Amino acid sequence: MTATYTFDVFSSLDGFGAHSGHWGGKLGGYWGKQGPEFLDRRLALYEEEQRMVFGANTYRAHAQMLVSSPEESEIHDPWVTRMRELPATIVSSTLQEPFDWPDATLARGDAVEAVARLKEESEVPLRSHGSLSLNRALMAAGLVDRVQVTVFPVITGQTGVDPIFQGAADFDLELLESRTLDGHIQELIYRPTLHV
């Protein structure tokens, strides 16, 4: 049986995965809009047994943020701590083991081939948080089963960085689930199909 692969990403309404400005009085991944429902939902998603999949750039960013940020920052929210406890596969041709991640393994070579193999071999679902270029390639290859987009109520026309789907192929999306968290954050889960 093939493991389900979920591409999990945070987004501004205008499609950016991060920002360079000060939202909510600080830098951060939630644009200062997080609330208790959002944080509880994230923890519930990550409490399930699964394997994380990261590209080299996202792994480096996660590892650096976790090491350099104070314990009381949002970087160490309970769901992030749980994510770091999950087994991870890092797809890279440049990184070397060992990793600053408790249970991480390296997958070398072509990313599409590596993840296709992982989907066949994994006994648990796969999830990737971020890893934009990796996941665009996996979507084009038909390996992403679900795209989970959490849309924060902001437009980051001036401060947006990391356009999530820039350069991606065209896809039709079937909405599988949707929910509103804290009255203003939208979580949308889609099944992508390459548009031909």
N, C-alpha and C. Protein backbone atom coordinates (compact mmCIF):
# COMPACT_ATOMS: atom_id res chain seq x y z
N MET A 1 0.84 -1.19 0.00
CA MET A 1 0.00 0.00 0.00
C MET A 1 0.88 1.24 0.00
N THR A 2 0.50 2.21 -0.77
CA THR A 2 1.27 3.44 -0.88
C THR A 2 0.88 4.42 0.22
N ALA A 3 1.87 5.01 0.88
CA ALA A 3 1.61 5.99 1.94
C ALA A 3 1.06 7.28 1.35
N THR A 4 0.17 7.93 2.07
CA THR A 4 -0.37 9.23 1.68
C THR A 4 0.67 10.31 1.95
N TYR A 5 0.83 11.23 0.99
CA TYR A 5 1.79 12.32 1.12
C TYR A 5 1.02 13.63 1.16
N THR A 6 1.23 14.42 2.24
CA THR A 6 0.59 15.72 2.40
C THR A 6 1.63 16.83 2.35
N PHE A 7 1.40 17.79 1.46
CA PHE A 7 2.19 19.02 1.39
C PHE A 7 1.45 20.03 2.24
N ASP A 8 2.04 20.40 3.38
CA ASP A 8 1.44 21.24 4.40
C ASP A 8 2.15 22.59 4.38
N VAL A 9 1.40 23.67 4.17
CA VAL A 9 2.06 24.97 4.02
C VAL A 9 1.19 26.09 4.60
N PHE A 10 1.85 27.09 5.16
CA PHE A 10 1.18 28.31 5.61
C PHE A 10 1.24 29.32 4.48
N SER A 11 0.20 30.16 4.36
CA SER A 11 0.16 31.13 3.26
C SER A 11 -0.55 32.41 3.67
N SER A 12 -0.09 33.51 3.09
CA SER A 12 -0.86 34.74 3.12
C SER A 12 -1.94 34.59 2.04
N LEU A 13 -2.93 35.47 2.03
CA LEU A 13 -3.98 35.38 1.02
C LEU A 13 -3.40 35.52 -0.39
N ASP A 14 -2.31 36.27 -0.52
CA ASP A 14 -1.70 36.47 -1.84
C ASP A 14 -0.63 35.44 -2.16
N GLY A 15 -0.57 34.34 -1.42
CA GLY A 15 0.22 33.19 -1.81
C GLY A 15 1.68 33.16 -1.39
N PHE A 16 2.04 33.93 -0.37
CA PHE A 16 3.41 33.90 0.13
C PHE A 16 3.50 33.00 1.36
N GLY A 17 4.59 32.25 1.45
CA GLY A 17 4.79 31.32 2.55
C GLY A 17 5.47 31.94 3.77
N ALA A 18 5.95 33.16 3.63
CA ALA A 18 6.63 33.85 4.74
C ALA A 18 6.62 35.35 4.46
N HIS A 19 7.17 36.09 5.40
CA HIS A 19 7.22 37.55 5.24
C HIS A 19 8.51 38.09 5.85
N SER A 20 8.86 39.28 5.43
CA SER A 20 10.06 39.93 5.97
C SER A 20 9.71 41.10 6.87
N GLY A 21 8.43 41.34 7.10
CA GLY A 21 8.01 42.48 7.90
C GLY A 21 7.70 42.11 9.33
N HIS A 22 7.21 43.08 10.06
CA HIS A 22 6.81 42.88 11.45
C HIS A 22 5.29 42.86 11.50
N TRP A 23 4.74 41.69 11.72
CA TRP A 23 3.29 41.51 11.85
C TRP A 23 3.04 41.11 13.29
N GLY A 24 2.06 41.70 13.92
CA GLY A 24 1.79 41.38 15.32
C GLY A 24 2.94 41.82 16.21
N GLY A 25 3.71 42.83 15.75
CA GLY A 25 4.80 43.37 16.54
C GLY A 25 6.10 42.58 16.48
N LYS A 26 6.16 41.54 15.63
CA LYS A 26 7.38 40.74 15.59
C LYS A 26 7.47 40.00 14.26
N LEU A 27 8.65 39.46 14.01
CA LEU A 27 8.81 38.55 12.89
C LEU A 27 8.23 37.21 13.29
N GLY A 28 7.77 36.42 12.34
CA GLY A 28 7.27 35.10 12.70
C GLY A 28 6.44 34.49 11.60
N GLY A 29 6.21 33.19 11.70
CA GLY A 29 5.54 32.45 10.66
C GLY A 29 4.03 32.54 10.66
N TYR A 30 3.43 33.14 11.66
CA TYR A 30 1.98 33.16 11.75
C TYR A 30 1.41 34.55 11.43
N TRP A 31 2.24 35.48 11.06
CA TRP A 31 1.81 36.86 10.80
C TRP A 31 1.12 37.47 12.02
N GLY A 32 1.39 36.95 13.21
CA GLY A 32 0.78 37.47 14.44
C GLY A 32 -0.69 37.15 14.57
N LYS A 33 -1.20 36.21 13.79
CA LYS A 33 -2.64 35.93 13.76
C LYS A 33 -3.03 34.62 14.44
N GLN A 34 -2.09 33.88 15.02
CA GLN A 34 -2.41 32.60 15.62
C GLN A 34 -3.28 32.77 16.86
N GLY A 35 -4.05 31.73 17.11
CA GLY A 35 -4.90 31.69 18.30
C GLY A 35 -4.94 30.28 18.84
N PRO A 36 -5.68 30.05 19.92
CA PRO A 36 -5.68 28.73 20.56
C PRO A 36 -6.24 27.62 19.67
N GLU A 37 -7.27 27.88 18.87
CA GLU A 37 -7.81 26.83 17.99
C GLU A 37 -6.77 26.40 16.96
N PHE A 38 -6.10 27.38 16.38
CA PHE A 38 -5.06 27.08 15.39
C PHE A 38 -3.96 26.23 16.02
N LEU A 39 -3.46 26.63 17.18
CA LEU A 39 -2.36 25.91 17.82
C LEU A 39 -2.80 24.51 18.25
N ASP A 40 -4.03 24.36 18.74
CA ASP A 40 -4.54 23.03 19.11
C ASP A 40 -4.68 22.15 17.88
N ARG A 41 -5.17 22.71 16.79
CA ARG A 41 -5.33 21.94 15.55
C ARG A 41 -3.97 21.47 15.04
N ARG A 42 -2.97 22.35 15.06
CA ARG A 42 -1.63 21.96 14.60
C ARG A 42 -1.08 20.81 15.45
N LEU A 43 -1.24 20.90 16.76
CA LEU A 43 -0.75 19.84 17.63
C LEU A 43 -1.47 18.52 17.33
N ALA A 44 -2.79 18.58 17.13
CA ALA A 44 -3.55 17.36 16.82
C ALA A 44 -3.06 16.74 15.52
N LEU A 45 -2.77 17.54 14.51
CA LEU A 45 -2.26 17.02 13.23
C LEU A 45 -0.93 16.30 13.40
N TYR A 46 -0.08 16.85 14.25
CA TYR A 46 1.26 16.31 14.40
C TYR A 46 1.36 15.23 15.48
N GLU A 47 0.31 15.03 16.26
CA GLU A 47 0.32 13.94 17.24
C GLU A 47 0.19 12.59 16.56
N GLU A 48 -0.38 12.58 15.35
CA GLU A 48 -0.53 11.33 14.60
C GLU A 48 0.84 10.82 14.17
N GLU A 49 0.99 9.49 14.12
CA GLU A 49 2.24 8.90 13.64
C GLU A 49 2.39 9.20 12.15
N GLN A 50 3.53 9.70 11.77
CA GLN A 50 3.81 10.05 10.39
C GLN A 50 5.30 10.29 10.24
N ARG A 51 5.75 10.42 9.02
CA ARG A 51 7.16 10.72 8.74
C ARG A 51 7.20 12.06 8.03
N MET A 52 8.09 12.94 8.49
CA MET A 52 8.30 14.23 7.86
C MET A 52 9.25 14.07 6.67
N VAL A 53 9.05 14.90 5.65
CA VAL A 53 9.93 14.93 4.49
C VAL A 53 10.32 16.38 4.26
N PHE A 54 11.62 16.65 4.21
CA PHE A 54 12.12 18.00 4.00
C PHE A 54 13.14 18.03 2.88
N GLY A 55 13.15 19.14 2.15
CA GLY A 55 14.26 19.41 1.26
C GLY A 55 15.38 20.03 2.08
N ALA A 56 16.55 20.18 1.48
CA ALA A 56 17.73 20.68 2.20
C ALA A 56 17.51 22.07 2.78
N ASN A 57 16.96 22.99 1.99
CA ASN A 57 16.80 24.37 2.46
C ASN A 57 15.85 24.46 3.64
N THR A 58 14.73 23.75 3.57
CA THR A 58 13.78 23.80 4.68
C THR A 58 14.35 23.13 5.92
N TYR A 59 15.04 22.01 5.74
CA TYR A 59 15.68 21.38 6.90
C TYR A 59 16.64 22.36 7.56
N ARG A 60 17.51 22.99 6.77
CA ARG A 60 18.48 23.95 7.33
C ARG A 60 17.75 25.07 8.09
N ALA A 61 16.68 25.61 7.49
CA ALA A 61 15.94 26.71 8.13
C ALA A 61 15.31 26.25 9.44
N HIS A 62 14.66 25.08 9.43
CA HIS A 62 14.04 24.56 10.66
C HIS A 62 15.09 24.32 11.74
N ALA A 63 16.17 23.66 11.38
CA ALA A 63 17.21 23.34 12.37
C ALA A 63 17.81 24.61 12.94
N GLN A 64 18.10 25.59 12.08
CA GLN A 64 18.69 26.85 12.55
C GLN A 64 17.73 27.61 13.46
N MET A 65 16.46 27.69 13.08
CA MET A 65 15.47 28.41 13.91
C MET A 65 15.32 27.75 15.27
N LEU A 66 15.26 26.44 15.30
CA LEU A 66 15.06 25.73 16.56
C LEU A 66 16.24 25.89 17.50
N VAL A 67 17.44 25.92 16.94
CA VAL A 67 18.63 26.06 17.77
C VAL A 67 18.81 27.50 18.26
N SER A 68 18.50 28.48 17.40
CA SER A 68 18.83 29.88 17.72
C SER A 68 17.72 30.63 18.44
N SER A 69 16.51 30.09 18.54
CA SER A 69 15.41 30.85 19.14
C SER A 69 15.23 30.49 20.62
N PRO A 70 14.76 31.47 21.41
CA PRO A 70 14.53 31.20 22.83
C PRO A 70 13.41 30.17 23.01
N GLU A 71 13.47 29.43 24.10
CA GLU A 71 12.50 28.36 24.37
C GLU A 71 11.06 28.85 24.41
N GLU A 72 10.84 30.12 24.82
CA GLU A 72 9.47 30.62 24.97
C GLU A 72 8.91 31.22 23.68
N SER A 73 9.63 31.17 22.59
CA SER A 73 9.15 31.74 21.33
C SER A 73 8.19 30.80 20.63
N GLU A 74 7.45 31.34 19.63
CA GLU A 74 6.51 30.52 18.87
C GLU A 74 7.20 29.42 18.08
N ILE A 75 8.51 29.57 17.88
CA ILE A 75 9.26 28.53 17.19
C ILE A 75 9.17 27.22 17.98
N HIS A 76 9.01 27.33 19.28
CA HIS A 76 8.93 26.15 20.13
C HIS A 76 7.50 25.84 20.59
N ASP A 77 6.50 26.24 19.78
CA ASP A 77 5.13 25.86 20.08
C ASP A 77 5.06 24.33 20.18
N PRO A 78 4.13 23.78 20.96
CA PRO A 78 4.07 22.32 21.15
C PRO A 78 4.01 21.53 19.85
N TRP A 79 3.32 22.03 18.83
CA TRP A 79 3.25 21.25 17.58
C TRP A 79 4.61 21.21 16.89
N VAL A 80 5.39 22.28 17.00
CA VAL A 80 6.72 22.30 16.38
C VAL A 80 7.64 21.33 17.12
N THR A 81 7.53 21.32 18.45
CA THR A 81 8.31 20.37 19.24
C THR A 81 7.95 18.95 18.84
N ARG A 82 6.67 18.68 18.66
CA ARG A 82 6.22 17.35 18.24
C ARG A 82 6.73 17.02 16.84
N MET A 83 6.70 17.99 15.92
CA MET A 83 7.20 17.75 14.57
C MET A 83 8.66 17.31 14.63
N ARG A 84 9.43 17.93 15.49
CA ARG A 84 10.86 17.59 15.59
C ARG A 84 11.07 16.20 16.18
N GLU A 85 10.10 15.69 16.93
CA GLU A 85 10.20 14.35 17.50
C GLU A 85 9.86 13.25 16.49
N LEU A 86 9.20 13.63 15.39
CA LEU A 86 8.80 12.64 14.38
C LEU A 86 10.00 12.23 13.54
N PRO A 87 10.00 11.00 13.03
CA PRO A 87 11.07 10.62 12.11
C PRO A 87 11.01 11.49 10.86
N ALA A 88 12.16 11.77 10.28
CA ALA A 88 12.22 12.65 9.11
C ALA A 88 13.14 12.06 8.05
N THR A 89 12.77 12.31 6.81
CA THR A 89 13.65 12.01 5.69
C THR A 89 14.01 13.34 5.06
N ILE A 90 15.30 13.57 4.89
CA ILE A 90 15.79 14.81 4.29
C ILE A 90 16.31 14.46 2.91
N VAL A 91 15.69 15.05 1.90
CA VAL A 91 16.04 14.79 0.51
C VAL A 91 17.06 15.83 0.09
N SER A 92 18.31 15.39 -0.17
CA SER A 92 19.37 16.34 -0.49
C SER A 92 20.54 15.66 -1.18
N SER A 93 21.14 16.38 -2.09
CA SER A 93 22.38 15.89 -2.69
C SER A 93 23.58 16.65 -2.12
N THR A 94 23.33 17.62 -1.22
CA THR A 94 24.41 18.45 -0.70
C THR A 94 24.68 18.24 0.79
N LEU A 95 23.67 17.89 1.57
CA LEU A 95 23.85 17.75 3.01
C LEU A 95 24.53 16.43 3.36
N GLN A 96 25.15 16.42 4.52
CA GLN A 96 25.82 15.22 5.04
C GLN A 96 25.22 14.87 6.40
N GLU A 97 25.16 13.59 6.69
CA GLU A 97 24.76 13.15 8.03
C GLU A 97 25.95 13.29 8.96
N PRO A 98 25.78 13.40 10.26
CA PRO A 98 24.53 13.35 11.01
C PRO A 98 23.81 14.69 10.97
N PHE A 99 22.50 14.64 11.25
CA PHE A 99 21.66 15.83 11.25
C PHE A 99 21.36 16.26 12.68
N ASP A 100 21.04 17.54 12.82
CA ASP A 100 20.61 18.07 14.11
C ASP A 100 19.09 17.87 14.21
N TRP A 101 18.68 16.63 14.15
CA TRP A 101 17.27 16.23 14.21
C TRP A 101 17.29 14.83 14.82
N PRO A 102 16.48 14.57 15.84
CA PRO A 102 16.61 13.32 16.58
C PRO A 102 16.56 12.03 15.74
N ASP A 103 15.67 11.96 14.74
CA ASP A 103 15.51 10.72 13.98
C ASP A 103 15.41 11.06 12.50
N ALA A 104 16.51 11.47 11.92
CA ALA A 104 16.51 11.88 10.51
C ALA A 104 17.42 10.98 9.69
N THR A 105 16.95 10.69 8.47
CA THR A 105 17.75 9.93 7.53
C THR A 105 17.88 10.73 6.24
N LEU A 106 18.90 10.43 5.50
CA LEU A 106 19.19 11.15 4.26
C LEU A 106 18.73 10.32 3.07
N ALA A 107 18.05 10.97 2.13
CA ALA A 107 17.70 10.34 0.85
C ALA A 107 18.44 11.12 -0.23
N ARG A 108 19.39 10.47 -0.88
CA ARG A 108 20.19 11.10 -1.93
C ARG A 108 19.57 10.81 -3.30
N GLY A 109 20.06 11.53 -4.28
CA GLY A 109 19.63 11.28 -5.65
C GLY A 109 18.43 12.12 -6.02
N ASP A 110 17.78 11.72 -7.08
CA ASP A 110 16.63 12.43 -7.61
C ASP A 110 15.50 12.46 -6.58
N ALA A 111 14.98 13.64 -6.29
CA ALA A 111 13.96 13.80 -5.25
C ALA A 111 12.68 13.04 -5.59
N VAL A 112 12.27 13.09 -6.85
CA VAL A 112 11.04 12.40 -7.25
C VAL A 112 11.19 10.89 -7.05
N GLU A 113 12.32 10.34 -7.46
CA GLU A 113 12.56 8.90 -7.28
C GLU A 113 12.64 8.55 -5.79
N ALA A 114 13.31 9.38 -5.01
CA ALA A 114 13.47 9.11 -3.57
C ALA A 114 12.12 9.11 -2.86
N VAL A 115 11.27 10.08 -3.17
CA VAL A 115 9.97 10.15 -2.50
C VAL A 115 9.03 9.06 -3.02
N ALA A 116 9.11 8.73 -4.30
CA ALA A 116 8.29 7.62 -4.82
C ALA A 116 8.63 6.33 -4.08
N ARG A 117 9.92 6.09 -3.85
CA ARG A 117 10.35 4.91 -3.09
C ARG A 117 9.84 4.98 -1.65
N LEU A 118 9.98 6.15 -1.06
CA LEU A 118 9.54 6.33 0.33
C LEU A 118 8.04 6.08 0.46
N LYS A 119 7.25 6.55 -0.50
CA LYS A 119 5.80 6.31 -0.47
C LYS A 119 5.49 4.82 -0.51
N GLU A 120 6.26 4.07 -1.27
CA GLU A 120 6.04 2.62 -1.37
C GLU A 120 6.46 1.89 -0.10
N GLU A 121 7.52 2.37 0.55
CA GLU A 121 8.09 1.66 1.70
C GLU A 121 7.52 2.08 3.05
N SER A 122 7.01 3.30 3.16
CA SER A 122 6.59 3.82 4.46
C SER A 122 5.31 3.15 4.95
N GLU A 123 5.31 2.82 6.24
CA GLU A 123 4.13 2.24 6.86
C GLU A 123 3.25 3.30 7.50
N VAL A 124 3.71 4.56 7.49
CA VAL A 124 2.94 5.67 8.05
C VAL A 124 2.80 6.75 6.99
N PRO A 125 1.80 7.64 7.14
CA PRO A 125 1.65 8.75 6.19
C PRO A 125 2.89 9.64 6.19
N LEU A 126 3.08 10.35 5.09
CA LEU A 126 4.20 11.29 4.94
C LEU A 126 3.64 12.71 4.93
N ARG A 127 4.40 13.63 5.53
CA ARG A 127 3.98 15.04 5.58
C ARG A 127 5.21 15.91 5.39
N SER A 128 5.05 16.95 4.60
CA SER A 128 6.13 17.91 4.41
C SER A 128 5.61 19.29 4.74
N HIS A 129 6.23 19.95 5.70
CA HIS A 129 5.84 21.32 6.05
C HIS A 129 6.86 22.27 5.42
N GLY A 130 6.42 23.02 4.42
CA GLY A 130 7.35 23.89 3.70
C GLY A 130 7.94 23.16 2.51
N SER A 131 9.27 23.27 2.34
CA SER A 131 9.98 22.60 1.23
C SER A 131 9.30 22.89 -0.11
N LEU A 132 9.20 24.17 -0.44
CA LEU A 132 8.40 24.60 -1.58
C LEU A 132 8.87 24.03 -2.92
N SER A 133 10.15 24.16 -3.24
CA SER A 133 10.60 23.67 -4.55
C SER A 133 10.50 22.15 -4.62
N LEU A 134 10.82 21.46 -3.54
CA LEU A 134 10.67 20.01 -3.50
C LEU A 134 9.23 19.62 -3.79
N ASN A 135 8.30 20.27 -3.10
CA ASN A 135 6.90 19.89 -3.24
C ASN A 135 6.29 20.29 -4.58
N ARG A 136 6.78 21.36 -5.18
CA ARG A 136 6.32 21.68 -6.54
C ARG A 136 6.73 20.57 -7.51
N ALA A 137 7.94 20.06 -7.36
CA ALA A 137 8.41 18.96 -8.23
C ALA A 137 7.61 17.68 -7.96
N LEU A 138 7.33 17.41 -6.69
CA LEU A 138 6.57 16.21 -6.35
C LEU A 138 5.13 16.31 -6.85
N MET A 139 4.54 17.50 -6.79
CA MET A 139 3.19 17.68 -7.33
C MET A 139 3.17 17.42 -8.83
N ALA A 140 4.15 17.97 -9.55
CA ALA A 140 4.21 17.78 -11.00
C ALA A 140 4.36 16.30 -11.36
N ALA A 141 5.01 15.53 -10.47
CA ALA A 141 5.21 14.10 -10.70
C ALA A 141 4.02 13.25 -10.22
N GLY A 142 3.01 13.89 -9.65
CA GLY A 142 1.83 13.17 -9.18
C GLY A 142 2.01 12.45 -7.86
N LEU A 143 2.99 12.87 -7.05
CA LEU A 143 3.26 12.19 -5.79
C LEU A 143 2.61 12.83 -4.57
N VAL A 144 2.04 14.02 -4.72
CA VAL A 144 1.38 14.70 -3.60
C VAL A 144 -0.10 14.33 -3.62
N ASP A 145 -0.56 13.71 -2.54
CA ASP A 145 -1.95 13.29 -2.44
C ASP A 145 -2.84 14.39 -1.90
N ARG A 146 -2.28 15.21 -1.02
CA ARG A 146 -3.05 16.29 -0.40
C ARG A 146 -2.20 17.55 -0.29
N VAL A 147 -2.82 18.67 -0.59
CA VAL A 147 -2.21 19.96 -0.35
C VAL A 147 -3.02 20.60 0.77
N GLN A 148 -2.37 20.83 1.91
CA GLN A 148 -3.03 21.44 3.06
C GLN A 148 -2.50 22.85 3.20
N VAL A 149 -3.35 23.81 2.88
CA VAL A 149 -2.95 25.22 2.93
C VAL A 149 -3.67 25.88 4.10
N THR A 150 -2.91 26.47 5.00
CA THR A 150 -3.48 27.27 6.08
C THR A 150 -3.30 28.72 5.68
N VAL A 151 -4.43 29.40 5.42
CA VAL A 151 -4.41 30.77 4.92
C VAL A 151 -4.63 31.74 6.07
N PHE A 152 -3.64 32.58 6.29
CA PHE A 152 -3.74 33.60 7.32
C PHE A 152 -4.34 34.86 6.71
N PRO A 153 -5.14 35.62 7.47
CA PRO A 153 -5.87 36.76 6.93
C PRO A 153 -4.99 37.99 6.75
N VAL A 154 -4.06 37.90 5.82
CA VAL A 154 -3.16 39.00 5.51
C VAL A 154 -2.86 39.01 4.02
N ILE A 155 -2.52 40.17 3.51
CA ILE A 155 -1.96 40.33 2.17
C ILE A 155 -0.57 40.92 2.38
N THR A 156 0.43 40.25 1.84
CA THR A 156 1.81 40.66 2.09
C THR A 156 2.46 41.17 0.79
N GLY A 157 1.77 42.09 0.14
CA GLY A 157 2.26 42.62 -1.12
C GLY A 157 3.63 43.28 -1.03
N GLN A 158 3.96 43.86 0.12
CA GLN A 158 5.25 44.53 0.30
C GLN A 158 6.27 43.67 1.03
N THR A 159 5.81 42.80 1.92
CA THR A 159 6.75 42.04 2.76
C THR A 159 6.74 40.54 2.48
N GLY A 160 5.96 40.08 1.53
CA GLY A 160 5.87 38.65 1.25
C GLY A 160 7.15 38.09 0.64
N VAL A 161 7.55 36.92 1.11
CA VAL A 161 8.68 36.18 0.54
C VAL A 161 8.24 34.73 0.36
N ASP A 162 8.96 34.00 -0.46
CA ASP A 162 8.67 32.60 -0.74
C ASP A 162 7.29 32.39 -1.36
N PRO A 163 7.10 32.84 -2.62
CA PRO A 163 5.83 32.57 -3.29
C PRO A 163 5.65 31.05 -3.45
N ILE A 164 4.60 30.53 -2.88
CA ILE A 164 4.44 29.09 -2.72
C ILE A 164 4.38 28.35 -4.06
N PHE A 165 3.59 28.84 -4.98
CA PHE A 165 3.38 28.09 -6.22
C PHE A 165 4.03 28.76 -7.44
N GLN A 166 4.96 29.67 -7.22
CA GLN A 166 5.64 30.31 -8.35
C GLN A 166 6.40 29.27 -9.16
N GLY A 167 6.12 29.21 -10.44
CA GLY A 167 6.79 28.27 -11.32
C GLY A 167 6.20 26.87 -11.30
N ALA A 168 5.13 26.66 -10.52
CA ALA A 168 4.50 25.34 -10.46
C ALA A 168 3.72 25.06 -11.73
N ALA A 169 3.42 23.80 -11.94
CA ALA A 169 2.52 23.40 -13.04
C ALA A 169 1.10 23.86 -12.70
N ASP A 170 0.18 23.66 -13.62
CA ASP A 170 -1.23 23.97 -13.38
C ASP A 170 -1.92 22.74 -12.80
N PHE A 171 -2.78 22.96 -11.80
CA PHE A 171 -3.49 21.87 -11.12
C PHE A 171 -4.95 22.21 -10.93
N ASP A 172 -5.79 21.20 -11.05
CA ASP A 172 -7.17 21.29 -10.59
C ASP A 172 -7.16 20.78 -9.16
N LEU A 173 -7.99 21.39 -8.30
CA LEU A 173 -8.01 21.04 -6.89
C LEU A 173 -9.41 20.61 -6.47
N GLU A 174 -9.49 19.44 -5.84
CA GLU A 174 -10.74 18.97 -5.27
C GLU A 174 -10.69 19.22 -3.77
N LEU A 175 -11.64 20.03 -3.28
CA LEU A 175 -11.67 20.35 -1.86
C LEU A 175 -12.13 19.14 -1.06
N LEU A 176 -11.28 18.67 -0.14
CA LEU A 176 -11.59 17.52 0.70
C LEU A 176 -12.10 17.94 2.07
N GLU A 177 -11.51 19.00 2.63
CA GLU A 177 -11.89 19.50 3.96
C GLU A 177 -11.64 20.99 4.02
N SER A 178 -12.42 21.67 4.86
CA SER A 178 -12.14 23.07 5.15
C SER A 178 -12.62 23.37 6.56
N ARG A 179 -11.92 24.27 7.22
CA ARG A 179 -12.33 24.70 8.56
C ARG A 179 -11.82 26.10 8.80
N THR A 180 -12.52 26.80 9.68
CA THR A 180 -12.11 28.12 10.13
C THR A 180 -11.61 27.99 11.56
N LEU A 181 -10.43 28.54 11.81
CA LEU A 181 -9.82 28.47 13.13
C LEU A 181 -9.70 29.87 13.71
N ASP A 182 -10.07 30.01 14.96
CA ASP A 182 -10.01 31.29 15.67
C ASP A 182 -10.80 32.39 14.95
N GLY A 183 -11.79 31.99 14.15
CA GLY A 183 -12.66 32.96 13.50
C GLY A 183 -12.08 33.67 12.29
N HIS A 184 -10.79 33.38 11.92
CA HIS A 184 -10.23 34.12 10.79
C HIS A 184 -9.15 33.38 9.99
N ILE A 185 -8.69 32.25 10.46
CA ILE A 185 -7.67 31.47 9.73
C ILE A 185 -8.40 30.35 9.00
N GLN A 186 -8.10 30.17 7.72
CA GLN A 186 -8.73 29.12 6.92
C GLN A 186 -7.75 27.97 6.70
N GLU A 187 -8.21 26.75 6.99
CA GLU A 187 -7.44 25.56 6.66
C GLU A 187 -8.18 24.85 5.53
N LEU A 188 -7.50 24.66 4.42
CA LEU A 188 -8.09 24.05 3.23
C LEU A 188 -7.25 22.85 2.83
N ILE A 189 -7.90 21.71 2.65
CA ILE A 189 -7.19 20.50 2.24
C ILE A 189 -7.75 20.06 0.89
N TYR A 190 -6.86 19.98 -0.08
CA TYR A 190 -7.24 19.66 -1.46
C TYR A 190 -6.55 18.39 -1.95
N ARG A 191 -7.17 17.74 -2.92
CA ARG A 191 -6.52 16.69 -3.70
C ARG A 191 -6.15 17.33 -5.04
N PRO A 192 -4.83 17.42 -5.33
CA PRO A 192 -4.41 18.05 -6.59
C PRO A 192 -4.39 17.05 -7.75
N THR A 193 -4.77 17.52 -8.91
CA THR A 193 -4.68 16.75 -10.14
C THR A 193 -4.06 17.64 -11.20
N LEU A 194 -3.02 17.15 -11.84
CA LEU A 194 -2.36 17.92 -12.88
C LEU A 194 -3.36 18.31 -13.95
N HIS A 195 -3.42 19.59 -14.28
CA HIS A 195 -4.35 20.08 -15.30
C HIS A 195 -3.75 19.91 -16.68
N VAL A 196 -4.44 19.16 -17.53
CA VAL A 196 -3.94 18.94 -18.89
C VAL A 196 -4.92 19.46 -19.92
